[in-house]
Protein backbone atom coordinates (compact mmCIF):
# COMPACT_ATOMS: atom_id res chain seq x y z
CA UNK A 1 24.68 41.89 -22.91
CA UNK A 2 26.09 45.34 -22.18
CA UNK A 3 29.56 46.38 -21.12
CA UNK A 4 30.41 43.03 -19.50
CA UNK A 5 30.20 41.25 -22.86
CA UNK A 6 31.78 43.81 -25.16
CA UNK A 7 29.12 46.49 -25.22
CA UNK A 8 26.55 45.24 -27.71
CA UNK A 9 23.66 46.30 -25.43
CA UNK A 10 21.16 43.98 -27.11
CA UNK A 11 18.52 41.86 -25.41
CA UNK A 12 19.43 38.20 -24.99
CA UNK A 13 17.08 35.39 -24.12
CA UNK A 14 17.86 33.94 -20.70
CA UNK A 15 17.95 30.17 -20.34
CA UNK A 16 15.05 28.81 -18.29
CA UNK A 17 17.36 27.50 -15.57
CA UNK A 18 18.75 31.03 -15.09
CA UNK A 19 15.41 32.84 -15.23
CA UNK A 20 13.16 34.20 -12.51
CA UNK A 21 9.42 34.70 -12.26
CA UNK A 22 8.07 37.87 -10.65
CA UNK A 23 4.52 37.84 -9.34
CA UNK A 24 2.54 40.94 -8.32
CA UNK A 25 -0.99 40.33 -7.02
CA UNK A 26 -3.79 42.87 -6.75
CA UNK A 27 -3.72 42.63 -2.93
CA UNK A 28 -0.08 43.81 -2.70
CA UNK A 29 1.69 40.44 -2.49
CA UNK A 30 5.01 39.96 -4.29
CA UNK A 31 7.04 36.87 -5.11
CA UNK A 32 10.33 36.39 -6.96
CA UNK A 33 10.76 32.71 -7.78
CA UNK A 34 13.83 30.95 -9.15
CA UNK A 35 13.12 28.78 -12.18
CA UNK A 36 15.00 25.72 -13.33
CA UNK A 37 17.46 24.23 -10.87
CA UNK A 38 16.00 25.87 -7.80
CA UNK A 39 19.45 26.63 -6.36
CA UNK A 40 18.42 30.20 -5.54
CA UNK A 41 16.21 31.56 -2.81
CA UNK A 42 12.57 32.35 -3.46
CA UNK A 43 11.65 35.78 -2.12
CA UNK A 44 8.15 36.57 -0.87
CA UNK A 45 6.67 39.70 0.60
CA UNK A 46 4.74 42.84 -0.29
CA UNK A 47 5.02 45.67 -2.81
CA UNK A 48 3.85 49.24 -3.22
CA UNK A 49 3.81 51.40 -6.37
CA UNK A 50 5.35 54.86 -5.94
CA UNK A 51 5.30 56.85 -9.19
CA UNK A 52 7.71 55.05 -11.57
CA UNK A 53 9.09 52.80 -8.83
CA UNK A 54 7.99 49.71 -6.98
CA UNK A 55 9.14 49.30 -3.39
CA UNK A 56 9.40 45.62 -2.47
CA UNK A 57 9.78 44.25 1.06
CA UNK A 58 10.66 40.53 1.19
CA UNK A 59 12.21 37.84 3.33
CA UNK A 60 15.38 38.12 1.17
CA UNK A 61 16.39 41.67 2.15
CA UNK A 62 16.57 43.49 5.47
CA UNK A 63 15.79 46.81 3.77
CA UNK A 64 13.06 47.42 1.18
CA UNK A 65 14.27 47.10 -2.42
CA UNK A 66 13.32 49.86 -4.87
CA UNK A 67 12.79 48.74 -8.46
CA UNK A 68 13.01 51.57 -11.00
CA UNK A 69 10.47 50.89 -13.74
CA UNK A 70 11.46 52.18 -17.17
CA UNK A 71 8.68 50.37 -19.05
CA UNK A 72 5.40 48.87 -17.92
CA UNK A 73 3.01 47.46 -20.52
CA UNK A 74 0.43 44.66 -20.30
CA UNK A 75 3.03 42.07 -21.38
CA UNK A 76 6.38 43.74 -20.61
CA UNK A 77 8.14 45.01 -17.48
CA UNK A 78 11.61 46.57 -17.71
CA UNK A 79 13.41 47.31 -14.45
CA UNK A 80 16.55 49.45 -14.27
CA UNK A 81 19.17 48.90 -11.59
CA UNK A 82 22.31 50.97 -11.07
CA UNK A 83 25.54 49.18 -11.95
CA UNK A 84 29.22 50.01 -11.69
CA UNK A 85 29.37 51.48 -15.19
CA UNK A 86 25.78 52.62 -15.63
CA UNK A 87 22.31 51.15 -15.61
CA UNK A 88 21.58 47.44 -15.94
CA UNK A 89 18.19 46.65 -17.45
CA UNK A 90 16.13 43.55 -16.69
CA UNK A 91 13.28 42.68 -19.03
CA UNK A 92 10.40 40.48 -17.94
CA UNK A 93 7.58 39.27 -20.16
CA UNK A 94 4.16 38.11 -19.07
CA UNK A 95 3.39 34.40 -19.04
CA UNK A 96 -0.05 32.89 -19.45
């Protein structure tokens, strides 16, 4: 809810139909799945940790995608991506 919505920079809950599930397995497999309507593309591939980054190679991108990790805890993952006016943060929480 940053600069696009007036600059409040607070976390907002994402509706299930707009959410995504990220899956990282211990054998290096990665999946990014669309929830809800299923109108998006599911991305599957591999990942590799490099310091505070994760490099992901999937069927959705020709080039590997680098995810900048700003927070990694047992139940929380925050990924930073560069945007036009600064950094856009994506927060993911673990599901059981």
